[in-house]
Amino acid sequence: MFTLAKETPGTEERTVTLRLHHDEDAEVFLNGVPVAREPRWTTGYVELPLSPEAVAALRNGRNVLAIHCRQNNGGQYVDAGLVEYVHPR
């Protein structure tokens, strides 16, 4: 769970991505909206752009990022977060 501060309108363009490092199969949801289904594993962090539906699911105040990671063989780990990039116009 995380809290998103109220956004102030500006002239910049914004891009939101999911930053994910996992072993093994991972499913990620943002406020109940599917964000990613990534098979197998990663050897480092990857950034995946959020769909317009996932970005629209973000709300001011409380949000929930839920992750399911399935163990198939060997070790297991998962780490994820959202990254916002601001592009001045």
PDB file of N, CA and C in Angstrom:
ATOM      1  N   MET A   1       0.844  -1.149   0.000  1.00  0.00           N
ATOM      2  CA  MET A   1       0.000   0.000   0.000  1.00  0.00           C
ATOM      3  C   MET A   1       0.905   1.232   0.000  1.00  0.00           C
ATOM      4  N   PHE A   2       0.492   2.287  -0.715  1.00  0.00           N
ATOM      5  CA  PHE A   2       1.225   3.546  -0.732  1.00  0.00           C
ATOM      6  C   PHE A   2       0.237   4.691  -0.908  1.00  0.00           C
ATOM      7  N   THR A   3       0.673   5.873  -0.520  1.00  0.00           N
ATOM      8  CA  THR A   3      -0.157   7.062  -0.626  1.00  0.00           C
ATOM      9  C   THR A   3       0.396   7.961  -1.717  1.00  0.00           C
ATOM     10  N   LEU A   4      -0.475   8.385  -2.595  1.00  0.00           N
ATOM     11  CA  LEU A   4      -0.104   9.270  -3.690  1.00  0.00           C
ATOM     12  C   LEU A   4      -0.596  10.663  -3.355  1.00  0.00           C
ATOM     13  N   ALA A   5       0.334  11.622  -3.325  1.00  0.00           N
ATOM     14  CA  ALA A   5      -0.038  13.008  -3.030  1.00  0.00           C
ATOM     15  C   ALA A   5      -0.821  13.587  -4.198  1.00  0.00           C
ATOM     16  N   LYS A   6      -1.686  14.516  -3.900  1.00  0.00           N
ATOM     17  CA  LYS A   6      -2.490  15.159  -4.934  1.00  0.00           C
ATOM     18  C   LYS A   6      -1.561  15.854  -5.929  1.00  0.00           C
ATOM     19  N   GLU A   7      -1.789  15.595  -7.198  1.00  0.00           N
ATOM     20  CA  GLU A   7      -0.947  16.141  -8.260  1.00  0.00           C
ATOM     21  C   GLU A   7      -1.325  17.585  -8.556  1.00  0.00           C
ATOM     22  N   THR A   8      -0.304  18.423  -8.728  1.00  0.00           N
ATOM     23  CA  THR A   8      -0.570  19.811  -9.115  1.00  0.00           C
ATOM     24  C   THR A   8      -0.501  19.904 -10.628  1.00  0.00           C
ATOM     25  N   PRO A   9      -1.479  20.552 -11.245  1.00  0.00           N
ATOM     26  CA  PRO A   9      -1.454  20.658 -12.688  1.00  0.00           C
ATOM     27  C   PRO A   9      -0.209  21.405 -13.148  1.00  0.00           C
ATOM     28  N   GLY A  10       0.391  20.914 -14.209  1.00  0.00           N
ATOM     29  CA  GLY A  10       1.575  21.550 -14.771  1.00  0.00           C
ATOM     30  C   GLY A  10       1.595  21.367 -16.271  1.00  0.00           C
ATOM     31  N   THR A  11       2.627  21.864 -16.882  1.00  0.00           N
ATOM     32  CA  THR A  11       2.719  21.753 -18.337  1.00  0.00           C
ATOM     33  C   THR A  11       3.587  20.578 -18.757  1.00  0.00           C
ATOM     34  N   GLU A  12       4.137  19.873 -17.786  1.00  0.00           N
ATOM     35  CA  GLU A  12       5.016  18.765 -18.152  1.00  0.00           C
ATOM     36  C   GLU A  12       4.216  17.507 -18.504  1.00  0.00           C
ATOM     37  N   GLU A  13       4.861  16.656 -19.271  1.00  0.00           N
ATOM     38  CA  GLU A  13       4.288  15.359 -19.636  1.00  0.00           C
ATOM     39  C   GLU A  13       4.858  14.335 -18.670  1.00  0.00           C
ATOM     40  N   ARG A  14       4.043  13.354 -18.265  1.00  0.00           N
ATOM     41  CA  ARG A  14       4.484  12.357 -17.286  1.00  0.00           C
ATOM     42  C   ARG A  14       4.322  10.942 -17.836  1.00  0.00           C
ATOM     43  N   THR A  15       5.293  10.099 -17.490  1.00  0.00           N
ATOM     44  CA  THR A  15       5.254   8.691 -17.853  1.00  0.00           C
ATOM     45  C   THR A  15       5.430   7.880 -16.567  1.00  0.00           C
ATOM     46  N   VAL A  16       4.596   6.864 -16.378  1.00  0.00           N
ATOM     47  CA  VAL A  16       4.710   6.003 -15.196  1.00  0.00           C
ATOM     48  C   VAL A  16       5.072   4.603 -15.671  1.00  0.00           C
ATOM     49  N   THR A  17       6.074   4.004 -15.011  1.00  0.00           N
ATOM     50  CA  THR A  17       6.487   2.645 -15.346  1.00  0.00           C
ATOM     51  C   THR A  17       6.501   1.782 -14.087  1.00  0.00           C
ATOM     52  N   LEU A  18       6.450   0.487 -14.297  1.00  0.00           N
ATOM     53  CA  LEU A  18       6.610  -0.488 -13.221  1.00  0.00           C
ATOM     54  C   LEU A  18       8.061  -0.935 -13.258  1.00  0.00           C
ATOM     55  N   ARG A  19       8.748  -0.839 -12.133  1.00  0.00           N
ATOM     56  CA  ARG A  19      10.126  -1.338 -12.033  1.00  0.00           C
ATOM     57  C   ARG A  19      10.051  -2.662 -11.282  1.00  0.00           C
ATOM     58  N   LEU A  20      10.554  -3.736 -11.920  1.00  0.00           N
ATOM     59  CA  LEU A  20      10.330  -5.092 -11.403  1.00  0.00           C
ATOM     60  C   LEU A  20      11.586  -5.938 -11.501  1.00  0.00           C
ATOM     61  N   HIS A  21      11.848  -6.703 -10.443  1.00  0.00           N
ATOM     62  CA  HIS A  21      12.925  -7.700 -10.406  1.00  0.00           C
ATOM     63  C   HIS A  21      12.315  -8.934  -9.750  1.00  0.00           C
ATOM     64  N   HIS A  22      12.298 -10.061 -10.455  1.00  0.00           N
ATOM     65  CA  HIS A  22      11.556 -11.206  -9.907  1.00  0.00           C
ATOM     66  C   HIS A  22      12.146 -12.550 -10.318  1.00  0.00           C
ATOM     67  N   ASP A  23      11.825 -13.570  -9.498  1.00  0.00           N
ATOM     68  CA  ASP A  23      12.155 -14.975  -9.759  1.00  0.00           C
ATOM     69  C   ASP A  23      11.115 -15.782  -8.977  1.00  0.00           C
ATOM     70  N   GLU A  24      10.128 -16.353  -9.557  1.00  0.00           N
ATOM     71  CA  GLU A  24       9.950 -16.567 -10.980  1.00  0.00           C
ATOM     72  C   GLU A  24       8.698 -15.845 -11.451  1.00  0.00           C
ATOM     73  N   ASP A  25       7.742 -16.581 -12.025  1.00  0.00           N
ATOM     74  CA  ASP A  25       6.572 -15.960 -12.649  1.00  0.00           C
ATOM     75  C   ASP A  25       5.920 -14.923 -11.732  1.00  0.00           C
ATOM     76  N   ALA A  26       5.712 -13.707 -12.262  1.00  0.00           N
ATOM     77  CA  ALA A  26       5.150 -12.622 -11.445  1.00  0.00           C
ATOM     78  C   ALA A  26       3.917 -12.019 -12.113  1.00  0.00           C
ATOM     79  N   GLU A  27       2.907 -11.730 -11.294  1.00  0.00           N
ATOM     80  CA  GLU A  27       1.710 -11.013 -11.733  1.00  0.00           C
ATOM     81  C   GLU A  27       1.581  -9.794 -10.831  1.00  0.00           C
ATOM     82  N   VAL A  28       1.336  -8.635 -11.441  1.00  0.00           N
ATOM     83  CA  VAL A  28       1.277  -7.386 -10.678  1.00  0.00           C
ATOM     84  C   VAL A  28      -0.054  -6.692 -10.966  1.00  0.00           C
ATOM     85  N   PHE A  29      -0.689  -6.176  -9.902  1.00  0.00           N
ATOM     86  CA  PHE A  29      -1.973  -5.482 -10.005  1.00  0.00           C
ATOM     87  C   PHE A  29      -1.868  -4.141  -9.286  1.00  0.00           C
ATOM     88  N   LEU A  30      -2.486  -3.118  -9.853  1.00  0.00           N
ATOM     89  CA  LEU A  30      -2.545  -1.795  -9.247  1.00  0.00           C
ATOM     90  C   LEU A  30      -4.002  -1.452  -9.005  1.00  0.00           C
ATOM     91  N   ASN A  31      -4.396  -1.381  -7.753  1.00  0.00           N
ATOM     92  CA  ASN A  31      -5.800  -1.137  -7.390  1.00  0.00           C
ATOM     93  C   ASN A  31      -6.745  -2.093  -8.131  1.00  0.00           C
ATOM     94  N   GLY A  32      -6.324  -3.350  -8.238  1.00  0.00           N
ATOM     95  CA  GLY A  32      -7.156  -4.385  -8.859  1.00  0.00           C
ATOM     96  C   GLY A  32      -7.036  -4.480 -10.366  1.00  0.00           C
ATOM     97  N   VAL A  33      -6.304  -3.561 -10.990  1.00  0.00           N
ATOM     98  CA  VAL A  33      -6.139  -3.575 -12.452  1.00  0.00           C
ATOM     99  C   VAL A  33      -4.837  -4.307 -12.791  1.00  0.00           C
ATOM    100  N   PRO A  34      -4.895  -5.319 -13.695  1.00  0.00           N
ATOM    101  CA  PRO A  34      -3.660  -6.013 -14.075  1.00  0.00           C
ATOM    102  C   PRO A  34      -2.661  -5.048 -14.711  1.00  0.00           C
ATOM    103  N   VAL A  35      -1.424  -5.100 -14.225  1.00  0.00           N
ATOM    104  CA  VAL A  35      -0.367  -4.227 -14.735  1.00  0.00           C
ATOM    105  C   VAL A  35       0.641  -5.032 -15.549  1.00  0.00           C
ATOM    106  N   ALA A  36       0.997  -6.229 -15.062  1.00  0.00           N
ATOM    107  CA  ALA A  36       2.007  -7.034 -15.758  1.00  0.00           C
ATOM    108  C   ALA A  36       1.848  -8.499 -15.400  1.00  0.00           C
ATOM    109  N   ARG A  37       2.159  -9.330 -16.368  1.00  0.00           N
ATOM    110  CA  ARG A  37       2.310 -10.777 -16.159  1.00  0.00           C
ATOM    111  C   ARG A  37       3.611 -11.162 -16.828  1.00  0.00           C
ATOM    112  N   GLU A  38       4.613 -11.371 -15.999  1.00  0.00           N
ATOM    113  CA  GLU A  38       5.959 -11.627 -16.509  1.00  0.00           C
ATOM    114  C   GLU A  38       6.384 -13.054 -16.178  1.00  0.00           C
ATOM    115  N   PRO A  39       6.648 -13.861 -17.202  1.00  0.00           N
ATOM    116  CA  PRO A  39       7.068 -15.242 -16.970  1.00  0.00           C
ATOM    117  C   PRO A  39       8.553 -15.323 -16.610  1.00  0.00           C
ATOM    118  N   ARG A  40       8.925 -16.453 -16.128  1.00  0.00           N
ATOM    119  CA  ARG A  40      10.310 -16.803 -15.827  1.00  0.00           C
ATOM    120  C   ARG A  40      10.911 -15.884 -14.780  1.00  0.00           C
ATOM    121  N   TRP A  41      12.073 -15.289 -15.062  1.00  0.00           N
ATOM    122  CA  TRP A  41      12.762 -14.466 -14.067  1.00  0.00           C
ATOM    123  C   TRP A  41      13.558 -13.375 -14.760  1.00  0.00           C
ATOM    124  N   THR A  42      14.048 -12.438 -13.953  1.00  0.00           N
ATOM    125  CA  THR A  42      14.934 -11.402 -14.467  1.00  0.00           C
ATOM    126  C   THR A  42      16.254 -11.493 -13.716  1.00  0.00           C
ATOM    127  N   THR A  43      17.313 -11.035 -14.339  1.00  0.00           N
ATOM    128  CA  THR A  43      18.626 -11.019 -13.680  1.00  0.00           C
ATOM    129  C   THR A  43      18.949  -9.631 -13.144  1.00  0.00           C
ATOM    130  N   GLY A  44      18.030  -8.713 -13.341  1.00  0.00           N
ATOM    131  CA  GLY A  44      18.159  -7.345 -12.835  1.00  0.00           C
ATOM    132  C   GLY A  44      16.800  -6.676 -12.965  1.00  0.00           C
ATOM    133  N   TYR A  45      16.742  -5.407 -12.610  1.00  0.00           N
ATOM    134  CA  TYR A  45      15.480  -4.670 -12.705  1.00  0.00           C
ATOM    135  C   TYR A  45      15.134  -4.380 -14.161  1.00  0.00           C
ATOM    136  N   VAL A  46      13.844  -4.493 -14.485  1.00  0.00           N
ATOM    137  CA  VAL A  46      13.325  -4.102 -15.794  1.00  0.00           C
ATOM    138  C   VAL A  46      12.237  -3.064 -15.552  1.00  0.00           C
ATOM    139  N   GLU A  47      12.062  -2.170 -16.517  1.00  0.00           N
ATOM    140  CA  GLU A  47      10.985  -1.182 -16.417  1.00  0.00           C
ATOM    141  C   GLU A  47       9.970  -1.445 -17.509  1.00  0.00           C
ATOM    142  N   LEU A  48       8.723  -1.561 -17.096  1.00  0.00           N
ATOM    143  CA  LEU A  48       7.625  -1.859 -18.005  1.00  0.00           C
ATOM    144  C   LEU A  48       6.650  -0.689 -17.997  1.00  0.00           C
ATOM    145  N   PRO A  49       6.324  -0.113 -19.162  1.00  0.00           N
ATOM    146  CA  PRO A  49       5.377   1.003 -19.188  1.00  0.00           C
ATOM    147  C   PRO A  49       3.997   0.540 -18.735  1.00  0.00           C
ATOM    148  N   LEU A  50       3.294   1.402 -18.020  1.00  0.00           N
ATOM    149  CA  LEU A  50       1.933   1.091 -17.591  1.00  0.00           C
ATOM    150  C   LEU A  50       0.959   1.385 -18.727  1.00  0.00           C
ATOM    151  N   SER A  51      -0.052   0.556 -18.847  1.00  0.00           N
ATOM    152  CA  SER A  51      -1.107   0.790 -19.834  1.00  0.00           C
ATOM    153  C   SER A  51      -1.919   2.012 -19.408  1.00  0.00           C
ATOM    154  N   PRO A  52      -2.650   2.640 -20.331  1.00  0.00           N
ATOM    155  CA  PRO A  52      -3.517   3.757 -19.949  1.00  0.00           C
ATOM    156  C   PRO A  52      -4.527   3.366 -18.867  1.00  0.00           C
ATOM    157  N   GLU A  53      -5.009   2.114 -18.890  1.00  0.00           N
ATOM    158  CA  GLU A  53      -5.963   1.641 -17.867  1.00  0.00           C
ATOM    159  C   GLU A  53      -5.295   1.596 -16.489  1.00  0.00           C
ATOM    160  N   ALA A  54      -4.042   1.167 -16.449  1.00  0.00           N
ATOM    161  CA  ALA A  54      -3.331   1.099 -15.172  1.00  0.00           C
ATOM    162  C   ALA A  54      -3.045   2.495 -14.637  1.00  0.00           C
ATOM    163  N   VAL A  55      -2.652   3.420 -15.500  1.00  0.00           N
ATOM    164  CA  VAL A  55      -2.405   4.799 -15.069  1.00  0.00           C
ATOM    165  C   VAL A  55      -3.704   5.424 -14.542  1.00  0.00           C
ATOM    166  N   ALA A  56      -4.819   5.136 -15.225  1.00  0.00           N
ATOM    167  CA  ALA A  56      -6.118   5.670 -14.795  1.00  0.00           C
ATOM    168  C   ALA A  56      -6.538   5.096 -13.436  1.00  0.00           C
ATOM    169  N   ALA A  57      -6.003   3.925 -13.055  1.00  0.00           N
ATOM    170  CA  ALA A  57      -6.354   3.312 -11.769  1.00  0.00           C
ATOM    171  C   ALA A  57      -5.677   4.012 -10.600  1.00  0.00           C
ATOM    172  N   LEU A  58      -4.614   4.783 -10.851  1.00  0.00           N
ATOM    173  CA  LEU A  58      -3.963   5.532  -9.780  1.00  0.00           C
ATOM    174  C   LEU A  58      -4.922   6.592  -9.252  1.00  0.00           C
ATOM    175  N   ARG A  59      -4.963   6.747  -7.943  1.00  0.00           N
ATOM    176  CA  ARG A  59      -5.855   7.758  -7.375  1.00  0.00           C
ATOM    177  C   ARG A  59      -5.125   8.528  -6.278  1.00  0.00           C
ATOM    178  N   ASN A  60      -5.578   9.744  -6.046  1.00  0.00           N
ATOM    179  CA  ASN A  60      -5.021  10.522  -4.940  1.00  0.00           C
ATOM    180  C   ASN A  60      -5.327   9.794  -3.647  1.00  0.00           C
ATOM    181  N   GLY A  61      -4.360   9.767  -2.755  1.00  0.00           N
ATOM    182  CA  GLY A  61      -4.552   9.071  -1.488  1.00  0.00           C
ATOM    183  C   GLY A  61      -4.029   7.644  -1.550  1.00  0.00           C
ATOM    184  N   ARG A  62      -4.762   6.727  -0.943  1.00  0.00           N
ATOM    185  CA  ARG A  62      -4.316   5.339  -0.768  1.00  0.00           C
ATOM    186  C   ARG A  62      -4.453   4.521  -2.051  1.00  0.00           C
ATOM    187  N   ASN A  63      -3.379   3.783  -2.386  1.00  0.00           N
ATOM    188  CA  ASN A  63      -3.335   2.872  -3.534  1.00  0.00           C
ATOM    189  C   ASN A  63      -2.731   1.554  -3.077  1.00  0.00           C
ATOM    190  N   VAL A  64      -3.043   0.485  -3.808  1.00  0.00           N
ATOM    191  CA  VAL A  64      -2.509  -0.836  -3.471  1.00  0.00           C
ATOM    192  C   VAL A  64      -1.816  -1.430  -4.689  1.00  0.00           C
ATOM    193  N   LEU A  65      -0.555  -1.800  -4.516  1.00  0.00           N
ATOM    194  CA  LEU A  65       0.207  -2.530  -5.527  1.00  0.00           C
ATOM    195  C   LEU A  65       0.318  -3.961  -5.003  1.00  0.00           C
ATOM    196  N   ALA A  66      -0.343  -4.909  -5.687  1.00  0.00           N
ATOM    197  CA  ALA A  66      -0.358  -6.307  -5.236  1.00  0.00           C
ATOM    198  C   ALA A  66       0.456  -7.153  -6.201  1.00  0.00           C
ATOM    199  N   ILE A  67       1.237  -8.086  -5.656  1.00  0.00           N
ATOM    200  CA  ILE A  67       2.123  -8.913  -6.478  1.00  0.00           C
ATOM    201  C   ILE A  67       1.959 -10.374  -6.071  1.00  0.00           C
ATOM    202  N   HIS A  68       1.859 -11.222  -7.076  1.00  0.00           N
ATOM    203  CA  HIS A  68       1.866 -12.671  -6.861  1.00  0.00           C
ATOM    204  C   HIS A  68       3.074 -13.211  -7.613  1.00  0.00           C
ATOM    205  N   CYS A  69       3.946 -13.922  -6.911  1.00  0.00           N
ATOM    206  CA  CYS A  69       5.148 -14.487  -7.521  1.00  0.00           C
ATOM    207  C   CYS A  69       5.137 -15.987  -7.249  1.00  0.00           C
ATOM    208  N   ARG A  70       5.185 -16.791  -8.312  1.00  0.00           N
ATOM    209  CA  ARG A  70       5.076 -18.250  -8.160  1.00  0.00           C
ATOM    210  C   ARG A  70       6.460 -18.891  -8.248  1.00  0.00           C
ATOM    211  N   GLN A  71       6.760 -19.728  -7.278  1.00  0.00           N
ATOM    212  CA  GLN A  71       8.026 -20.451  -7.233  1.00  0.00           C
ATOM    213  C   GLN A  71       7.923 -21.736  -8.035  1.00  0.00           C
ATOM    214  N   ASN A  72       8.787 -21.910  -9.026  1.00  0.00           N
ATOM    215  CA  ASN A  72       8.817 -23.135  -9.821  1.00  0.00           C
ATOM    216  C   ASN A  72      10.049 -23.988  -9.521  1.00  0.00           C
ATOM    217  N   ASN A  73      11.188 -23.311  -9.268  1.00  0.00           N
ATOM    218  CA  ASN A  73      12.418 -24.051  -9.052  1.00  0.00           C
ATOM    219  C   ASN A  73      13.469 -23.102  -8.482  1.00  0.00           C
ATOM    220  N   GLY A  74      14.316 -23.582  -7.576  1.00  0.00           N
ATOM    221  CA  GLY A  74      15.409 -22.755  -7.062  1.00  0.00           C
ATOM    222  C   GLY A  74      14.932 -21.667  -6.123  1.00  0.00           C
ATOM    223  N   GLY A  75      15.710 -20.575  -6.080  1.00  0.00           N
ATOM    224  CA  GLY A  75      15.418 -19.466  -5.170  1.00  0.00           C
ATOM    225  C   GLY A  75      14.208 -18.660  -5.607  1.00  0.00           C
ATOM    226  N   GLN A  76      13.774 -17.747  -4.754  1.00  0.00           N
ATOM    227  CA  GLN A  76      12.618 -16.923  -5.093  1.00  0.00           C
ATOM    228  C   GLN A  76      12.804 -15.536  -4.513  1.00  0.00           C
ATOM    229  N   TYR A  77      12.437 -14.519  -5.294  1.00  0.00           N
ATOM    230  CA  TYR A  77      12.444 -13.141  -4.809  1.00  0.00           C
ATOM    231  C   TYR A  77      11.545 -12.305  -5.692  1.00  0.00           C
ATOM    232  N   VAL A  78      11.099 -11.176  -5.149  1.00  0.00           N
ATOM    233  CA  VAL A  78      10.333 -10.210  -5.937  1.00  0.00           C
ATOM    234  C   VAL A  78      10.514  -8.838  -5.290  1.00  0.00           C
ATOM    235  N   ASP A  79      10.717  -7.842  -6.133  1.00  0.00           N
ATOM    236  CA  ASP A  79      10.794  -6.457  -5.689  1.00  0.00           C
ATOM    237  C   ASP A  79      10.183  -5.617  -6.799  1.00  0.00           C
ATOM    238  N   ALA A  80       9.348  -4.659  -6.427  1.00  0.00           N
ATOM    239  CA  ALA A  80       8.676  -3.849  -7.443  1.00  0.00           C
ATOM    240  C   ALA A  80       8.363  -2.470  -6.896  1.00  0.00           C
ATOM    241  N   GLY A  81       8.197  -1.542  -7.810  1.00  0.00           N
ATOM    242  CA  GLY A  81       7.808  -0.191  -7.444  1.00  0.00           C
ATOM    243  C   GLY A  81       7.373   0.563  -8.687  1.00  0.00           C
ATOM    244  N   LEU A  82       6.777   1.712  -8.482  1.00  0.00           N
ATOM    245  CA  LEU A  82       6.373   2.562  -9.603  1.00  0.00           C
ATOM    246  C   LEU A  82       7.350   3.720  -9.707  1.00  0.00           C
ATOM    247  N   VAL A  83       7.666   4.094 -10.953  1.00  0.00           N
ATOM    248  CA  VAL A  83       8.577   5.201 -11.209  1.00  0.00           C
ATOM    249  C   VAL A  83       7.845   6.195 -12.101  1.00  0.00           C
ATOM    250  N   GLU A  84       7.910   7.471 -11.717  1.00  0.00           N
ATOM    251  CA  GLU A  84       7.294   8.510 -12.544  1.00  0.00           C
ATOM    252  C   GLU A  84       8.398   9.370 -13.153  1.00  0.00           C
ATOM    253  N   TYR A  85       8.364   9.515 -14.470  1.00  0.00           N
ATOM    254  CA  TYR A  85       9.294  10.390 -15.175  1.00  0.00           C
ATOM    255  C   TYR A  85       8.541  11.635 -15.600  1.00  0.00           C
ATOM    256  N   VAL A  86       9.132  12.796 -15.355  1.00  0.00           N
ATOM    257  CA  VAL A  86       8.522  14.068 -15.748  1.00  0.00           C
ATOM    258  C   VAL A  86       9.333  14.638 -16.897  1.00  0.00           C
ATOM    259  N   HIS A  87       8.645  14.912 -18.010  1.00  0.00           N
ATOM    260  CA  HIS A  87       9.286  15.423 -19.223  1.00  0.00           C
ATOM    261  C   HIS A  87       8.817  16.852 -19.450  1.00  0.00           C
ATOM    262  N   PRO A  88       9.687  17.845 -19.242  1.00  0.00           N
ATOM    263  CA  PRO A  88       9.274  19.230 -19.499  1.00  0.00           C
ATOM    264  C   PRO A  88       8.952  19.425 -20.979  1.00  0.00           C
ATOM    265  N   ARG A  89       7.962  20.254 -21.254  1.00  0.00           N
ATOM    266  CA  ARG A  89       7.615  20.526 -22.661  1.00  0.00           C
ATOM    267  C   ARG A  89       8.383  21.698 -23.181  1.00  0.00           C
TER     268      ARG A  89
END
